[in-house]
Amino acid sequence: MYAICNLKGHQVKVRPDETVKVQYRADVQPGDMIVLDDILLLHDGKQLKVGKPNVAAKVHAKVVEHGRDPKVIVFRKKKRTEYRKHKGHKQWFTMLHIEKIEAN
C-alpha cells in the first residue's frame, strides 16, 4: 500500500512504516502526531484510486526530527574584473515516520 501526498506544494510518495524527508514544518515539534489529508493518489495493492483533486483517505505520521541539509555553495564571478561572490545555504527539513494509511 502506498499513497502520494501533497505537502507544501511537493508531492511525496509514502508507505506505512517508512521514514520520509519533507520540507520544513515549523508548526510541529518532534514527537507530535500529524494527519495528512491532502492525498492525491492511493494504491492498496489491488486497486488504484486517483483523486479529483483528492482521495478520501488519511495518512497518520509522527514527527521524528528537524534538521538541515548539507551546505550548498553558490559561487559567481566575472572574468577580468575581480568580481567574486561566495555564498552558502543550508535548507531545513522535517523527518516524518509514516504510522499508517487509512482509506475511507
PDB file of N, CA and C in Angstrom:
ATOM      1  N   MET A   1       0.848  -1.175   0.000  1.00  0.00           N
ATOM      2  CA  MET A   1       0.000   0.000   0.000  1.00  0.00           C
ATOM      3  C   MET A   1       0.890   1.234   0.000  1.00  0.00           C
ATOM      4  N   TYR A   2       0.535   2.209  -0.813  1.00  0.00           N
ATOM      5  CA  TYR A   2       1.244   3.484  -0.805  1.00  0.00           C
ATOM      6  C   TYR A   2       0.290   4.598  -1.189  1.00  0.00           C
ATOM      7  N   ALA A   3       0.700   5.816  -0.881  1.00  0.00           N
ATOM      8  CA  ALA A   3      -0.104   6.996  -1.196  1.00  0.00           C
ATOM      9  C   ALA A   3       0.833   8.103  -1.647  1.00  0.00           C
ATOM     10  N   ILE A   4       0.304   9.011  -2.443  1.00  0.00           N
ATOM     11  CA  ILE A   4       1.041  10.204  -2.839  1.00  0.00           C
ATOM     12  C   ILE A   4       0.332  11.392  -2.204  1.00  0.00           C
ATOM     13  N   CYS A   5       1.078  12.101  -1.343  1.00  0.00           N
ATOM     14  CA  CYS A   5       0.532  13.225  -0.578  1.00  0.00           C
ATOM     15  C   CYS A   5       1.073  14.533  -1.126  1.00  0.00           C
ATOM     16  N   ASN A   6       0.291  15.582  -0.968  1.00  0.00           N
ATOM     17  CA  ASN A   6       0.736  16.926  -1.311  1.00  0.00           C
ATOM     18  C   ASN A   6       1.136  17.619  -0.010  1.00  0.00           C
ATOM     19  N   LEU A   7       2.433  17.925   0.140  1.00  0.00           N
ATOM     20  CA  LEU A   7       2.952  18.579   1.338  1.00  0.00           C
ATOM     21  C   LEU A   7       3.660  19.856   0.941  1.00  0.00           C
ATOM     22  N   LYS A   8       3.056  20.989   1.262  1.00  0.00           N
ATOM     23  CA  LYS A   8       3.642  22.304   0.974  1.00  0.00           C
ATOM     24  C   LYS A   8       4.043  22.446  -0.496  1.00  0.00           C
ATOM     25  N   GLY A   9       3.192  21.964  -1.392  1.00  0.00           N
ATOM     26  CA  GLY A   9       3.445  22.116  -2.813  1.00  0.00           C
ATOM     27  C   GLY A   9       4.317  21.036  -3.424  1.00  0.00           C
ATOM     28  N   HIS A  10       4.775  20.065  -2.644  1.00  0.00           N
ATOM     29  CA  HIS A  10       5.599  18.971  -3.147  1.00  0.00           C
ATOM     30  C   HIS A  10       4.828  17.664  -3.008  1.00  0.00           C
ATOM     31  N   GLN A  11       4.927  16.797  -4.025  1.00  0.00           N
ATOM     32  CA  GLN A  11       4.270  15.504  -3.979  1.00  0.00           C
ATOM     33  C   GLN A  11       5.248  14.470  -3.431  1.00  0.00           C
ATOM     34  N   VAL A  12       4.821  13.752  -2.384  1.00  0.00           N
ATOM     35  CA  VAL A  12       5.684  12.803  -1.690  1.00  0.00           C
ATOM     36  C   VAL A  12       5.005  11.441  -1.679  1.00  0.00           C
ATOM     37  N   LYS A  13       5.750  10.398  -2.090  1.00  0.00           N
ATOM     38  CA  LYS A  13       5.239   9.031  -2.048  1.00  0.00           C
ATOM     39  C   LYS A  13       5.543   8.450  -0.670  1.00  0.00           C
ATOM     40  N   VAL A  14       4.503   7.965   0.022  1.00  0.00           N
ATOM     41  CA  VAL A  14       4.671   7.445   1.378  1.00  0.00           C
ATOM     42  C   VAL A  14       4.127   6.024   1.460  1.00  0.00           C
ATOM     43  N   ARG A  15       4.762   5.217   2.315  1.00  0.00           N
ATOM     44  CA  ARG A  15       4.336   3.852   2.617  1.00  0.00           C
ATOM     45  C   ARG A  15       4.308   3.685   4.130  1.00  0.00           C
ATOM     46  N   PRO A  16       3.500   2.769   4.648  1.00  0.00           N
ATOM     47  CA  PRO A  16       3.493   2.540   6.096  1.00  0.00           C
ATOM     48  C   PRO A  16       4.857   2.058   6.592  1.00  0.00           C
ATOM     49  N   ASP A  17       5.223   2.457   7.808  1.00  0.00           N
ATOM     50  CA  ASP A  17       6.496   2.105   8.456  1.00  0.00           C
ATOM     51  C   ASP A  17       7.699   2.557   7.643  1.00  0.00           C
ATOM     52  N   GLU A  18       7.598   3.720   7.043  1.00  0.00           N
ATOM     53  CA  GLU A  18       8.692   4.296   6.256  1.00  0.00           C
ATOM     54  C   GLU A  18       8.962   5.707   6.774  1.00  0.00           C
ATOM     55  N   THR A  19      10.217   6.143   6.690  1.00  0.00           N
ATOM     56  CA  THR A  19      10.589   7.490   7.103  1.00  0.00           C
ATOM     57  C   THR A  19      10.872   8.317   5.857  1.00  0.00           C
ATOM     58  N   VAL A  20      10.266   9.504   5.775  1.00  0.00           N
ATOM     59  CA  VAL A  20      10.451  10.374   4.616  1.00  0.00           C
ATOM     60  C   VAL A  20      10.935  11.747   5.067  1.00  0.00           C
ATOM     61  N   LYS A  21      11.727  12.374   4.199  1.00  0.00           N
ATOM     62  CA  LYS A  21      12.220  13.726   4.460  1.00  0.00           C
ATOM     63  C   LYS A  21      11.382  14.699   3.643  1.00  0.00           C
ATOM     64  N   VAL A  22      10.768  15.681   4.323  1.00  0.00           N
ATOM     65  CA  VAL A  22       9.885  16.640   3.661  1.00  0.00           C
ATOM     66  C   VAL A  22      10.355  18.055   3.962  1.00  0.00           C
ATOM     67  N   GLN A  23       9.726  19.026   3.312  1.00  0.00           N
ATOM     68  CA  GLN A  23      10.036  20.426   3.568  1.00  0.00           C
ATOM     69  C   GLN A  23       9.781  20.749   5.035  1.00  0.00           C
ATOM     70  N   TYR A  24      10.515  21.719   5.556  1.00  0.00           N
ATOM     71  CA  TYR A  24      10.448  22.087   6.972  1.00  0.00           C
ATOM     72  C   TYR A  24       9.050  22.552   7.357  1.00  0.00           C
ATOM     73  N   ARG A  25       8.549  22.017   8.461  1.00  0.00           N
ATOM     74  CA  ARG A  25       7.256  22.428   9.008  1.00  0.00           C
ATOM     75  C   ARG A  25       7.493  22.990  10.394  1.00  0.00           C
ATOM     76  N   ALA A  26       7.327  24.302  10.537  1.00  0.00           N
ATOM     77  CA  ALA A  26       7.583  24.976  11.806  1.00  0.00           C
ATOM     78  C   ALA A  26       6.437  24.795  12.795  1.00  0.00           C
ATOM     79  N   ASP A  27       5.276  24.339  12.322  1.00  0.00           N
ATOM     80  CA  ASP A  27       4.106  24.236  13.193  1.00  0.00           C
ATOM     81  C   ASP A  27       4.065  22.953  14.018  1.00  0.00           C
ATOM     82  N   VAL A  28       5.029  22.050  13.848  1.00  0.00           N
ATOM     83  CA  VAL A  28       5.051  20.790  14.601  1.00  0.00           C
ATOM     84  C   VAL A  28       6.394  20.625  15.304  1.00  0.00           C
ATOM     85  N   GLN A  29       6.387  19.831  16.368  1.00  0.00           N
ATOM     86  CA  GLN A  29       7.595  19.548  17.140  1.00  0.00           C
ATOM     87  C   GLN A  29       7.895  18.052  17.065  1.00  0.00           C
ATOM     88  N   PRO A  30       9.149  17.650  17.273  1.00  0.00           N
ATOM     89  CA  PRO A  30       9.472  16.216  17.290  1.00  0.00           C
ATOM     90  C   PRO A  30       8.648  15.484  18.349  1.00  0.00           C
ATOM     91  N   GLY A  31       8.076  14.354  17.942  1.00  0.00           N
ATOM     92  CA  GLY A  31       7.208  13.580  18.829  1.00  0.00           C
ATOM     93  C   GLY A  31       5.731  13.796  18.567  1.00  0.00           C
ATOM     94  N   ASP A  32       5.366  14.862  17.856  1.00  0.00           N
ATOM     95  CA  ASP A  32       3.959  15.140  17.549  1.00  0.00           C
ATOM     96  C   ASP A  32       3.434  14.161  16.500  1.00  0.00           C
ATOM     97  N   MET A  33       2.142  13.846  16.608  1.00  0.00           N
ATOM     98  CA  MET A  33       1.457  13.056  15.588  1.00  0.00           C
ATOM     99  C   MET A  33       0.686  14.025  14.696  1.00  0.00           C
ATOM    100  N   ILE A  34       0.811  13.856  13.384  1.00  0.00           N
ATOM    101  CA  ILE A  34       0.079  14.708  12.452  1.00  0.00           C
ATOM    102  C   ILE A  34      -0.720  13.830  11.499  1.00  0.00           C
ATOM    103  N   VAL A  35      -1.773  14.396  10.938  1.00  0.00           N
ATOM    104  CA  VAL A  35      -2.622  13.704   9.977  1.00  0.00           C
ATOM    105  C   VAL A  35      -2.532  14.460   8.663  1.00  0.00           C
ATOM    106  N   LEU A  36      -2.138  13.757   7.615  1.00  0.00           N
ATOM    107  CA  LEU A  36      -2.057  14.342   6.280  1.00  0.00           C
ATOM    108  C   LEU A  36      -3.321  13.938   5.533  1.00  0.00           C
ATOM    109  N   ASP A  37      -4.103  14.926   5.101  1.00  0.00           N
ATOM    110  CA  ASP A  37      -5.363  14.607   4.436  1.00  0.00           C
ATOM    111  C   ASP A  37      -5.427  15.086   2.994  1.00  0.00           C
ATOM    112  N   ASP A  38      -4.356  15.654   2.480  1.00  0.00           N
ATOM    113  CA  ASP A  38      -4.305  16.083   1.080  1.00  0.00           C
ATOM    114  C   ASP A  38      -3.667  14.956   0.263  1.00  0.00           C
ATOM    115  N   ILE A  39      -4.437  13.876   0.036  1.00  0.00           N
ATOM    116  CA  ILE A  39      -3.950  12.674  -0.635  1.00  0.00           C
ATOM    117  C   ILE A  39      -4.382  12.731  -2.098  1.00  0.00           C
ATOM    118  N   LEU A  40      -3.412  12.655  -2.999  1.00  0.00           N
ATOM    119  CA  LEU A  40      -3.697  12.757  -4.426  1.00  0.00           C
ATOM    120  C   LEU A  40      -3.949  11.399  -5.071  1.00  0.00           C
ATOM    121  N   LEU A  41      -3.289  10.345  -4.549  1.00  0.00           N
ATOM    122  CA  LEU A  41      -3.395   9.017  -5.143  1.00  0.00           C
ATOM    123  C   LEU A  41      -3.249   7.983  -4.038  1.00  0.00           C
ATOM    124  N   LEU A  42      -3.988   6.879  -4.164  1.00  0.00           N
ATOM    125  CA  LEU A  42      -3.915   5.805  -3.172  1.00  0.00           C
ATOM    126  C   LEU A  42      -3.920   4.472  -3.898  1.00  0.00           C
ATOM    127  N   HIS A  43      -2.953   3.612  -3.556  1.00  0.00           N
ATOM    128  CA  HIS A  43      -2.878   2.264  -4.121  1.00  0.00           C
ATOM    129  C   HIS A  43      -2.861   1.289  -2.955  1.00  0.00           C
ATOM    130  N   ASP A  44      -3.863   0.396  -2.907  1.00  0.00           N
ATOM    131  CA  ASP A  44      -3.966  -0.522  -1.772  1.00  0.00           C
ATOM    132  C   ASP A  44      -3.502  -1.936  -2.101  1.00  0.00           C
ATOM    133  N   GLY A  45      -2.815  -2.139  -3.207  1.00  0.00           N
ATOM    134  CA  GLY A  45      -2.343  -3.461  -3.591  1.00  0.00           C
ATOM    135  C   GLY A  45      -3.174  -4.070  -4.703  1.00  0.00           C
ATOM    136  N   LYS A  46      -4.460  -3.742  -4.741  1.00  0.00           N
ATOM    137  CA  LYS A  46      -5.347  -4.267  -5.769  1.00  0.00           C
ATOM    138  C   LYS A  46      -5.927  -3.165  -6.643  1.00  0.00           C
ATOM    139  N   GLN A  47      -6.255  -2.054  -6.012  1.00  0.00           N
ATOM    140  CA  GLN A  47      -6.983  -1.004  -6.707  1.00  0.00           C
ATOM    141  C   GLN A  47      -6.239   0.320  -6.593  1.00  0.00           C
ATOM    142  N   LEU A  48      -6.245   1.076  -7.668  1.00  0.00           N
ATOM    143  CA  LEU A  48      -5.613   2.392  -7.707  1.00  0.00           C
ATOM    144  C   LEU A  48      -6.709   3.452  -7.713  1.00  0.00           C
ATOM    145  N   LYS A  49      -6.660   4.359  -6.730  1.00  0.00           N
ATOM    146  CA  LYS A  49      -7.648   5.439  -6.650  1.00  0.00           C
ATOM    147  C   LYS A  49      -6.939   6.756  -6.913  1.00  0.00           C
ATOM    148  N   VAL A  50      -7.410   7.483  -7.904  1.00  0.00           N
ATOM    149  CA  VAL A  50      -6.850   8.784  -8.245  1.00  0.00           C
ATOM    150  C   VAL A  50      -7.882   9.837  -7.879  1.00  0.00           C
ATOM    151  N   GLY A  51      -7.452  10.856  -7.145  1.00  0.00           N
ATOM    152  CA  GLY A  51      -8.366  11.887  -6.691  1.00  0.00           C
ATOM    153  C   GLY A  51      -8.628  12.949  -7.731  1.00  0.00           C
ATOM    154  N   LYS A  52      -9.788  13.584  -7.604  1.00  0.00           N
ATOM    155  CA  LYS A  52     -10.144  14.707  -8.473  1.00  0.00           C
ATOM    156  C   LYS A  52     -10.647  15.837  -7.603  1.00  0.00           C
ATOM    157  N   PRO A  53      -9.867  16.566  -6.872  1.00  0.00           N
ATOM    158  CA  PRO A  53      -8.404  16.539  -6.778  1.00  0.00           C
ATOM    159  C   PRO A  53      -7.869  15.637  -5.680  1.00  0.00           C
ATOM    160  N   ASN A  54      -8.699  15.223  -4.682  1.00  0.00           N
ATOM    161  CA  ASN A  54      -8.184  14.444  -3.556  1.00  0.00           C
ATOM    162  C   ASN A  54      -8.924  13.123  -3.416  1.00  0.00           C
ATOM    163  N   VAL A  55      -8.269  12.180  -2.726  1.00  0.00           N
ATOM    164  CA  VAL A  55      -8.859  10.891  -2.392  1.00  0.00           C
ATOM    165  C   VAL A  55      -9.329  10.964  -0.938  1.00  0.00           C
ATOM    166  N   ALA A  56     -10.422  10.290  -0.627  1.00  0.00           N
ATOM    167  CA  ALA A  56     -10.927  10.268   0.751  1.00  0.00           C
ATOM    168  C   ALA A  56     -10.090   9.289   1.569  1.00  0.00           C
ATOM    169  N   ALA A  57      -8.919   9.733   1.991  1.00  0.00           N
ATOM    170  CA  ALA A  57      -8.011   8.909   2.794  1.00  0.00           C
ATOM    171  C   ALA A  57      -7.199   9.827   3.692  1.00  0.00           C
ATOM    172  N   LYS A  58      -6.548   9.224   4.689  1.00  0.00           N
ATOM    173  CA  LYS A  58      -5.701   9.984   5.607  1.00  0.00           C
ATOM    174  C   LYS A  58      -4.425   9.205   5.857  1.00  0.00           C
ATOM    175  N   VAL A  59      -3.352   9.940   6.079  1.00  0.00           N
ATOM    176  CA  VAL A  59      -2.068   9.344   6.430  1.00  0.00           C
ATOM    177  C   VAL A  59      -1.698   9.857   7.817  1.00  0.00           C
ATOM    178  N   HIS A  60      -1.429   8.937   8.733  1.00  0.00           N
ATOM    179  CA  HIS A  60      -1.017   9.288  10.091  1.00  0.00           C
ATOM    180  C   HIS A  60       0.497   9.179  10.168  1.00  0.00           C
ATOM    181  N   ALA A  61       1.142  10.264  10.613  1.00  0.00           N
ATOM    182  CA  ALA A  61       2.603  10.307  10.660  1.00  0.00           C
ATOM    183  C   ALA A  61       3.064  10.895  11.985  1.00  0.00           C
ATOM    184  N   LYS A  62       4.274  10.517  12.373  1.00  0.00           N
ATOM    185  CA  LYS A  62       4.895  11.034  13.595  1.00  0.00           C
ATOM    186  C   LYS A  62       6.132  11.824  13.200  1.00  0.00           C
ATOM    187  N   VAL A  63       6.298  13.002  13.799  1.00  0.00           N
ATOM    188  CA  VAL A  63       7.459  13.843  13.506  1.00  0.00           C
ATOM    189  C   VAL A  63       8.657  13.269  14.260  1.00  0.00           C
ATOM    190  N   VAL A  64       9.712  12.921  13.524  1.00  0.00           N
ATOM    191  CA  VAL A  64      10.901  12.326  14.125  1.00  0.00           C
ATOM    192  C   VAL A  64      11.878  13.411  14.543  1.00  0.00           C
ATOM    193  N   GLU A  65      12.223  14.305  13.603  1.00  0.00           N
ATOM    194  CA  GLU A  65      13.206  15.345  13.911  1.00  0.00           C
ATOM    195  C   GLU A  65      13.149  16.453  12.876  1.00  0.00           C
ATOM    196  N   HIS A  66      13.748  17.579  13.235  1.00  0.00           N
ATOM    197  CA  HIS A  66      14.033  18.660  12.304  1.00  0.00           C
ATOM    198  C   HIS A  66      15.538  18.656  12.092  1.00  0.00           C
ATOM    199  N   GLY A  67      15.970  19.061  10.909  1.00  0.00           N
ATOM    200  CA  GLY A  67      17.404  19.085  10.643  1.00  0.00           C
ATOM    201  C   GLY A  67      17.719  20.000   9.483  1.00  0.00           C
ATOM    202  N   ARG A  68      18.991  19.996   9.100  1.00  0.00           N
ATOM    203  CA  ARG A  68      19.436  20.816   7.980  1.00  0.00           C
ATOM    204  C   ARG A  68      20.233  19.956   7.011  1.00  0.00           C
ATOM    205  N   ASP A  69      20.024  20.212   5.718  1.00  0.00           N
ATOM    206  CA  ASP A  69      20.761  19.510   4.669  1.00  0.00           C
ATOM    207  C   ASP A  69      22.206  19.989   4.634  1.00  0.00           C
ATOM    208  N   PRO A  70      23.076  19.259   3.939  1.00  0.00           N
ATOM    209  CA  PRO A  70      24.451  19.749   3.766  1.00  0.00           C
ATOM    210  C   PRO A  70      24.470  21.086   3.025  1.00  0.00           C
ATOM    211  N   LYS A  71      25.507  21.852   3.277  1.00  0.00           N
ATOM    212  CA  LYS A  71      25.598  23.191   2.705  1.00  0.00           C
ATOM    213  C   LYS A  71      25.771  23.138   1.184  1.00  0.00           C
ATOM    214  N   VAL A  72      25.020  23.982   0.504  1.00  0.00           N
ATOM    215  CA  VAL A  72      25.131  24.154  -0.940  1.00  0.00           C
ATOM    216  C   VAL A  72      25.872  25.462  -1.169  1.00  0.00           C
ATOM    217  N   ILE A  73      26.956  25.415  -1.924  1.00  0.00           N
ATOM    218  CA  ILE A  73      27.785  26.590  -2.176  1.00  0.00           C
ATOM    219  C   ILE A  73      27.382  27.215  -3.509  1.00  0.00           C
ATOM    220  N   VAL A  74      27.178  28.523  -3.483  1.00  0.00           N
ATOM    221  CA  VAL A  74      26.893  29.287  -4.700  1.00  0.00           C
ATOM    222  C   VAL A  74      28.075  30.222  -4.914  1.00  0.00           C
ATOM    223  N   PHE A  75      28.718  30.117  -6.073  1.00  0.00           N
ATOM    224  CA  PHE A  75      29.889  30.939  -6.364  1.00  0.00           C
ATOM    225  C   PHE A  75      29.693  31.592  -7.721  1.00  0.00           C
ATOM    226  N   ARG A  76      29.808  32.931  -7.751  1.00  0.00           N
ATOM    227  CA  ARG A  76      29.682  33.666  -9.007  1.00  0.00           C
ATOM    228  C   ARG A  76      30.927  34.516  -9.188  1.00  0.00           C
ATOM    229  N   LYS A  77      31.359  34.648 -10.428  1.00  0.00           N
ATOM    230  CA  LYS A  77      32.491  35.526 -10.709  1.00  0.00           C
ATOM    231  C   LYS A  77      32.387  36.054 -12.125  1.00  0.00           C
ATOM    232  N   LYS A  78      33.058  37.171 -12.351  1.00  0.00           N
ATOM    233  CA  LYS A  78      33.148  37.745 -13.690  1.00  0.00           C
ATOM    234  C   LYS A  78      34.614  37.865 -14.047  1.00  0.00           C
ATOM    235  N   LYS A  79      34.914  37.472 -15.230  1.00  0.00           N
ATOM    236  CA  LYS A  79      36.314  37.494 -15.645  1.00  0.00           C
ATOM    237  C   LYS A  79      36.818  38.925 -15.813  1.00  0.00           C
ATOM    238  N   ARG A  80      38.077  39.103 -15.524  1.00  0.00           N
ATOM    239  CA  ARG A  80      38.817  40.354 -15.721  1.00  0.00           C
ATOM    240  C   ARG A  80      38.360  41.515 -14.837  1.00  0.00           C
ATOM    241  N   THR A  81      37.471  41.306 -13.888  1.00  0.00           N
ATOM    242  CA  THR A  81      37.019  42.433 -13.066  1.00  0.00           C
ATOM    243  C   THR A  81      37.220  42.199 -11.574  1.00  0.00           C
ATOM    244  N   GLU A  82      37.750  41.066 -11.180  1.00  0.00           N
ATOM    245  CA  GLU A  82      37.945  40.692  -9.783  1.00  0.00           C
ATOM    246  C   GLU A  82      36.627  40.648  -9.009  1.00  0.00           C
ATOM    247  N   TYR A  83      35.518  40.405  -9.689  1.00  0.00           N
ATOM    248  CA  TYR A  83      34.211  40.284  -9.045  1.00  0.00           C
ATOM    249  C   TYR A  83      33.999  38.824  -8.660  1.00  0.00           C
ATOM    250  N   ARG A  84      33.863  38.561  -7.359  1.00  0.00           N
ATOM    251  CA  ARG A  84      33.632  37.204  -6.870  1.00  0.00           C
ATOM    252  C   ARG A  84      32.644  37.247  -5.708  1.00  0.00           C
ATOM    253  N   LYS A  85      31.647  36.390  -5.768  1.00  0.00           N
ATOM    254  CA  LYS A  85      30.670  36.248  -4.684  1.00  0.00           C
ATOM    255  C   LYS A  85      30.657  34.783  -4.265  1.00  0.00           C
ATOM    256  N   HIS A  86      30.741  34.548  -2.973  1.00  0.00           N
ATOM    257  CA  HIS A  86      30.743  33.203  -2.420  1.00  0.00           C
ATOM    258  C   HIS A  86      29.667  33.171  -1.341  1.00  0.00           C
ATOM    259  N   LYS A  87      28.680  32.300  -1.518  1.00  0.00           N
ATOM    260  CA  LYS A  87      27.568  32.244  -0.573  1.00  0.00           C
ATOM    261  C   LYS A  87      27.198  30.785  -0.327  1.00  0.00           C
ATOM    262  N   GLY A  88      26.787  30.470   0.892  1.00  0.00           N
ATOM    263  CA  GLY A  88      26.361  29.117   1.230  1.00  0.00           C
ATOM    264  C   GLY A  88      24.947  29.120   1.789  1.00  0.00           C
ATOM    265  N   HIS A  89      24.267  27.980   1.661  1.00  0.00           N
ATOM    266  CA  HIS A  89      22.892  27.868   2.147  1.00  0.00           C
ATOM    267  C   HIS A  89      22.653  26.447   2.648  1.00  0.00           C
ATOM    268  N   LYS A  90      22.029  26.327   3.840  1.00  0.00           N
ATOM    269  CA  LYS A  90      21.651  25.031   4.394  1.00  0.00           C
ATOM    270  C   LYS A  90      20.138  25.016   4.567  1.00  0.00           C
ATOM    271  N   GLN A  91      19.458  24.139   3.828  1.00  0.00           N
ATOM    272  CA  GLN A  91      17.999  24.074   3.827  1.00  0.00           C
ATOM    273  C   GLN A  91      17.500  23.245   5.010  1.00  0.00           C
ATOM    274  N   TRP A  92      16.466  23.735   5.711  1.00  0.00           N
ATOM    275  CA  TRP A  92      15.845  22.999   6.807  1.00  0.00           C
ATOM    276  C   TRP A  92      14.923  21.919   6.255  1.00  0.00           C
ATOM    277  N   PHE A  93      14.782  20.801   6.981  1.00  0.00           N
ATOM    278  CA  PHE A  93      13.860  19.733   6.610  1.00  0.00           C
ATOM    279  C   PHE A  93      13.229  19.147   7.868  1.00  0.00           C
ATOM    280  N   THR A  94      12.172  18.355   7.662  1.00  0.00           N
ATOM    281  CA  THR A  94      11.489  17.640   8.739  1.00  0.00           C
ATOM    282  C   THR A  94      11.406  16.172   8.345  1.00  0.00           C
ATOM    283  N   MET A  95      11.762  15.277   9.269  1.00  0.00           N
ATOM    284  CA  MET A  95      11.660  13.834   9.032  1.00  0.00           C
ATOM    285  C   MET A  95      10.344  13.340   9.631  1.00  0.00           C
ATOM    286  N   LEU A  96       9.573  12.609   8.815  1.00  0.00           N
ATOM    287  CA  LEU A  96       8.296  12.047   9.252  1.00  0.00           C
ATOM    288  C   LEU A  96       8.355  10.525   9.174  1.00  0.00           C
ATOM    289  N   HIS A  97       7.841   9.856  10.199  1.00  0.00           N
ATOM    290  CA  HIS A  97       7.691   8.400  10.176  1.00  0.00           C
ATOM    291  C   HIS A  97       6.218   8.107   9.929  1.00  0.00           C
ATOM    292  N   ILE A  98       5.918   7.405   8.848  1.00  0.00           N
ATOM    293  CA  ILE A  98       4.537   7.117   8.469  1.00  0.00           C
ATOM    294  C   ILE A  98       4.041   5.944   9.313  1.00  0.00           C
ATOM    295  N   GLU A  99       3.030   6.187  10.131  1.00  0.00           N
ATOM    296  CA  GLU A  99       2.482   5.150  11.009  1.00  0.00           C
ATOM    297  C   GLU A  99       1.503   4.250  10.251  1.00  0.00           C
ATOM    298  N   LYS A 100       0.492   4.864   9.615  1.00  0.00           N
ATOM    299  CA  LYS A 100      -0.492   4.065   8.880  1.00  0.00           C
ATOM    300  C   LYS A 100      -1.186   4.925   7.835  1.00  0.00           C
ATOM    301  N   ILE A 101      -1.767   4.242   6.856  1.00  0.00           N
ATOM    302  CA  ILE A 101      -2.562   4.890   5.812  1.00  0.00           C
ATOM    303  C   ILE A 101      -3.988   4.381   5.973  1.00  0.00           C
ATOM    304  N   GLU A 102      -4.909   5.313   6.121  1.00  0.00           N
ATOM    305  CA  GLU A 102      -6.308   4.990   6.387  1.00  0.00           C
ATOM    306  C   GLU A 102      -7.137   5.327   5.159  1.00  0.00           C
ATOM    307  N   ALA A 103      -7.735   4.323   4.517  1.00  0.00           N
ATOM    308  CA  ALA A 103      -8.588   4.557   3.352  1.00  0.00           C
ATOM    309  C   ALA A 103     -10.046   4.563   3.789  1.00  0.00           C
ATOM    310  N   ASN A 104     -10.800   5.554   3.339  1.00  0.00           N
ATOM    311  CA  ASN A 104     -12.224   5.652   3.708  1.00  0.00           C
ATOM    312  C   ASN A 104     -13.093   5.053   2.625  1.00  0.00           C
TER     313      ASN A 104
END
